[in-house]
PDB file of N, CA and C in Angstrom:
ATOM      1  N   MET A   1     -79.608  28.140 -66.703  1.00  0.00           N
ATOM      2  CA  MET A   1     -78.353  27.582 -66.298  1.00  0.00           C
ATOM      3  C   MET A   1     -77.352  27.797 -67.430  1.00  0.00           C
ATOM      4  N   GLU A   2     -76.213  28.374 -67.111  1.00  0.00           N
ATOM      5  CA  GLU A   2     -75.208  28.623 -68.134  1.00  0.00           C
ATOM      6  C   GLU A   2     -73.948  27.824 -67.848  1.00  0.00           C
ATOM      7  N   THR A   3     -73.559  27.031 -68.811  1.00  0.00           N
ATOM      8  CA  THR A   3     -72.300  26.297 -68.774  1.00  0.00           C
ATOM      9  C   THR A   3     -71.626  26.506 -70.122  1.00  0.00           C
ATOM     10  N   LYS A   4     -70.423  26.006 -70.257  1.00  0.00           N
ATOM     11  CA  LYS A   4     -69.737  26.129 -71.547  1.00  0.00           C
ATOM     12  C   LYS A   4     -70.501  25.384 -72.637  1.00  0.00           C
ATOM     13  N   ILE A   5     -71.094  24.249 -72.291  1.00  0.00           N
ATOM     14  CA  ILE A   5     -71.862  23.465 -73.271  1.00  0.00           C
ATOM     15  C   ILE A   5     -73.109  24.221 -73.711  1.00  0.00           C
ATOM     16  N   THR A   6     -73.861  24.803 -72.769  1.00  0.00           N
ATOM     17  CA  THR A   6     -75.082  25.516 -73.148  1.00  0.00           C
ATOM     18  C   THR A   6     -74.759  26.728 -73.997  1.00  0.00           C
ATOM     19  N   GLU A   7     -73.671  27.415 -73.688  1.00  0.00           N
ATOM     20  CA  GLU A   7     -73.270  28.564 -74.497  1.00  0.00           C
ATOM     21  C   GLU A   7     -72.842  28.128 -75.894  1.00  0.00           C
ATOM     22  N   MET A   8     -72.059  27.049 -75.971  1.00  0.00           N
ATOM     23  CA  MET A   8     -71.541  26.585 -77.258  1.00  0.00           C
ATOM     24  C   MET A   8     -72.661  26.082 -78.169  1.00  0.00           C
ATOM     25  N   LEU A   9     -73.646  25.370 -77.606  1.00  0.00           N
ATOM     26  CA  LEU A   9     -74.720  24.792 -78.406  1.00  0.00           C
ATOM     27  C   LEU A   9     -75.950  25.689 -78.523  1.00  0.00           C
ATOM     28  N   GLY A  10     -76.000  26.745 -77.746  1.00  0.00           N
ATOM     29  CA  GLY A  10     -77.137  27.655 -77.796  1.00  0.00           C
ATOM     30  C   GLY A  10     -78.410  27.042 -77.236  1.00  0.00           C
ATOM     31  N   ILE A  11     -78.273  26.255 -76.167  1.00  0.00           N
ATOM     32  CA  ILE A  11     -79.433  25.628 -75.531  1.00  0.00           C
ATOM     33  C   ILE A  11     -79.589  26.171 -74.120  1.00  0.00           C
ATOM     34  N   ARG A  12     -80.747  25.950 -73.529  1.00  0.00           N
ATOM     35  CA  ARG A  12     -81.042  26.492 -72.205  1.00  0.00           C
ATOM     36  C   ARG A  12     -80.503  25.606 -71.089  1.00  0.00           C
ATOM     37  N   TYR A  13     -80.619  24.287 -71.229  1.00  0.00           N
ATOM     38  CA  TYR A  13     -80.193  23.336 -70.204  1.00  0.00           C
ATOM     39  C   TYR A  13     -79.179  22.363 -70.786  1.00  0.00           C
ATOM     40  N   PRO A  14     -78.234  21.875 -69.981  1.00  0.00           N
ATOM     41  CA  PRO A  14     -77.225  20.952 -70.485  1.00  0.00           C
ATOM     42  C   PRO A  14     -77.760  19.524 -70.602  1.00  0.00           C
ATOM     43  N   ILE A  15     -78.854  19.361 -71.334  1.00  0.00           N
ATOM     44  CA  ILE A  15     -79.475  18.054 -71.550  1.00  0.00           C
ATOM     45  C   ILE A  15     -79.354  17.723 -73.029  1.00  0.00           C
ATOM     46  N   ILE A  16     -78.717  16.592 -73.312  1.00  0.00           N
ATOM     47  CA  ILE A  16     -78.539  16.158 -74.693  1.00  0.00           C
ATOM     48  C   ILE A  16     -79.180  14.790 -74.840  1.00  0.00           C
ATOM     49  N   GLN A  17     -80.213  14.710 -75.663  1.00  0.00           N
ATOM     50  CA  GLN A  17     -80.929  13.458 -75.901  1.00  0.00           C
ATOM     51  C   GLN A  17     -80.262  12.764 -77.068  1.00  0.00           C
ATOM     52  N   GLY A  18     -79.780  11.540 -76.839  1.00  0.00           N
ATOM     53  CA  GLY A  18     -79.085  10.779 -77.873  1.00  0.00           C
ATOM     54  C   GLY A  18     -80.013  10.336 -78.989  1.00  0.00           C
ATOM     55  N   GLY A  19     -79.447   9.729 -80.015  1.00  0.00           N
ATOM     56  CA  GLY A  19     -80.207   9.331 -81.194  1.00  0.00           C
ATOM     57  C   GLY A  19     -81.294   8.297 -80.941  1.00  0.00           C
ATOM     58  N   LEU A  20     -81.059   7.305 -80.086  1.00  0.00           N
ATOM     59  CA  LEU A  20     -82.037   6.278 -79.718  1.00  0.00           C
ATOM     60  C   LEU A  20     -82.695   5.625 -80.932  1.00  0.00           C
ATOM     61  N   GLN A  21     -81.939   4.842 -81.665  1.00  0.00           N
ATOM     62  CA  GLN A  21     -82.430   4.167 -82.868  1.00  0.00           C
ATOM     63  C   GLN A  21     -83.814   3.553 -82.629  1.00  0.00           C
ATOM     64  N   GLY A  22     -84.789   3.981 -83.389  1.00  0.00           N
ATOM     65  CA  GLY A  22     -86.149   3.471 -83.279  1.00  0.00           C
ATOM     66  C   GLY A  22     -87.013   4.204 -82.262  1.00  0.00           C
ATOM     67  N   LEU A  23     -86.413   4.773 -81.235  1.00  0.00           N
ATOM     68  CA  LEU A  23     -87.175   5.496 -80.210  1.00  0.00           C
ATOM     69  C   LEU A  23     -87.087   7.007 -80.380  1.00  0.00           C
ATOM     70  N   GLY A  24     -86.038   7.467 -81.034  1.00  0.00           N
ATOM     71  CA  GLY A  24     -85.825   8.904 -81.210  1.00  0.00           C
ATOM     72  C   GLY A  24     -86.660   9.458 -82.355  1.00  0.00           C
ATOM     73  N   THR A  25     -87.955   9.474 -82.170  1.00  0.00           N
ATOM     74  CA  THR A  25     -88.860   9.962 -83.204  1.00  0.00           C
ATOM     75  C   THR A  25     -88.868  11.487 -83.236  1.00  0.00           C
ATOM     76  N   SER A  26     -89.443  12.023 -84.270  1.00  0.00           N
ATOM     77  CA  SER A  26     -89.483  13.482 -84.396  1.00  0.00           C
ATOM     78  C   SER A  26     -90.249  14.135 -83.255  1.00  0.00           C
ATOM     79  N   SER A  27     -91.266  13.466 -82.721  1.00  0.00           N
ATOM     80  CA  SER A  27     -92.027  14.064 -81.608  1.00  0.00           C
ATOM     81  C   SER A  27     -91.187  14.119 -80.335  1.00  0.00           C
ATOM     82  N   LEU A  28     -90.362  13.101 -80.079  1.00  0.00           N
ATOM     83  CA  LEU A  28     -89.473  13.130 -78.918  1.00  0.00           C
ATOM     84  C   LEU A  28     -88.401  14.199 -79.084  1.00  0.00           C
ATOM     85  N   VAL A  29     -87.823  14.257 -80.257  1.00  0.00           N
ATOM     86  CA  VAL A  29     -86.770  15.246 -80.521  1.00  0.00           C
ATOM     87  C   VAL A  29     -87.320  16.662 -80.386  1.00  0.00           C
ATOM     88  N   SER A  30     -88.502  16.904 -80.917  1.00  0.00           N
ATOM     89  CA  SER A  30     -89.071  18.249 -80.813  1.00  0.00           C
ATOM     90  C   SER A  30     -89.444  18.585 -79.378  1.00  0.00           C
ATOM     91  N   ALA A  31     -89.898  17.598 -78.606  1.00  0.00           N
ATOM     92  CA  ALA A  31     -90.234  17.852 -77.201  1.00  0.00           C
ATOM     93  C   ALA A  31     -88.992  18.226 -76.403  1.00  0.00           C
ATOM     94  N   VAL A  32     -87.902  17.509 -76.610  1.00  0.00           N
ATOM     95  CA  VAL A  32     -86.649  17.825 -75.911  1.00  0.00           C
ATOM     96  C   VAL A  32     -86.147  19.200 -76.331  1.00  0.00           C
ATOM     97  N   SER A  33     -86.185  19.480 -77.618  1.00  0.00           N
ATOM     98  CA  SER A  33     -85.720  20.777 -78.114  1.00  0.00           C
ATOM     99  C   SER A  33     -86.589  21.924 -77.599  1.00  0.00           C
ATOM    100  N   ASN A  34     -87.892  21.736 -77.588  1.00  0.00           N
ATOM    101  CA  ASN A  34     -88.801  22.777 -77.095  1.00  0.00           C
ATOM    102  C   ASN A  34     -88.635  23.011 -75.601  1.00  0.00           C
ATOM    103  N   ALA A  35     -88.167  21.988 -74.870  1.00  0.00           N
ATOM    104  CA  ALA A  35     -87.953  22.136 -73.430  1.00  0.00           C
ATOM    105  C   ALA A  35     -86.624  22.818 -73.115  1.00  0.00           C
ATOM    106  N   GLY A  36     -85.798  23.060 -74.138  1.00  0.00           N
ATOM    107  CA  GLY A  36     -84.546  23.771 -73.912  1.00  0.00           C
ATOM    108  C   GLY A  36     -83.312  22.904 -73.992  1.00  0.00           C
ATOM    109  N   GLY A  37     -83.467  21.618 -74.315  1.00  0.00           N
ATOM    110  CA  GLY A  37     -82.326  20.725 -74.469  1.00  0.00           C
ATOM    111  C   GLY A  37     -81.947  20.576 -75.921  1.00  0.00           C
ATOM    112  N   LEU A  38     -81.028  19.637 -76.185  1.00  0.00           N
ATOM    113  CA  LEU A  38     -80.589  19.376 -77.546  1.00  0.00           C
ATOM    114  C   LEU A  38     -81.115  18.007 -77.951  1.00  0.00           C
ATOM    115  N   GLY A  39     -82.098  17.972 -78.836  1.00  0.00           N
ATOM    116  CA  GLY A  39     -82.666  16.715 -79.298  1.00  0.00           C
ATOM    117  C   GLY A  39     -82.008  16.274 -80.590  1.00  0.00           C
ATOM    118  N   LEU A  40     -81.617  14.997 -80.664  1.00  0.00           N
ATOM    119  CA  LEU A  40     -80.943  14.464 -81.843  1.00  0.00           C
ATOM    120  C   LEU A  40     -81.770  13.323 -82.432  1.00  0.00           C
ATOM    121  N   ILE A  41     -81.798  13.238 -83.740  1.00  0.00           N
ATOM    122  CA  ILE A  41     -82.516  12.179 -84.416  1.00  0.00           C
ATOM    123  C   ILE A  41     -81.512  11.390 -85.268  1.00  0.00           C
ATOM    124  N   THR A  42     -81.706  10.071 -85.347  1.00  0.00           N
ATOM    125  CA  THR A  42     -80.793   9.247 -86.133  1.00  0.00           C
ATOM    126  C   THR A  42     -81.246   9.182 -87.573  1.00  0.00           C
ATOM    127  N   ALA A  43     -80.354   8.751 -88.433  1.00  0.00           N
ATOM    128  CA  ALA A  43     -80.679   8.656 -89.856  1.00  0.00           C
ATOM    129  C   ALA A  43     -81.713   7.576 -90.111  1.00  0.00           C
ATOM    130  N   GLY A  44     -81.786   6.560 -89.266  1.00  0.00           N
ATOM    131  CA  GLY A  44     -82.711   5.451 -89.484  1.00  0.00           C
ATOM    132  C   GLY A  44     -84.118   5.678 -88.955  1.00  0.00           C
ATOM    133  N   SER A  45     -84.357   6.796 -88.290  1.00  0.00           N
ATOM    134  CA  SER A  45     -85.676   7.008 -87.681  1.00  0.00           C
ATOM    135  C   SER A  45     -86.621   7.666 -88.663  1.00  0.00           C
TER     136      SER A  45
END
């Protein structure tokens, strides 16, 4: 799927996982990123 967001961010799907303080662990972020989305991690995680 190609949209302006996917082209700009270099991701496959327009899915952006927010920081999720306490829940946004490295395993969640890597799973989202490996699936083609944009995984974000917070400074407190």
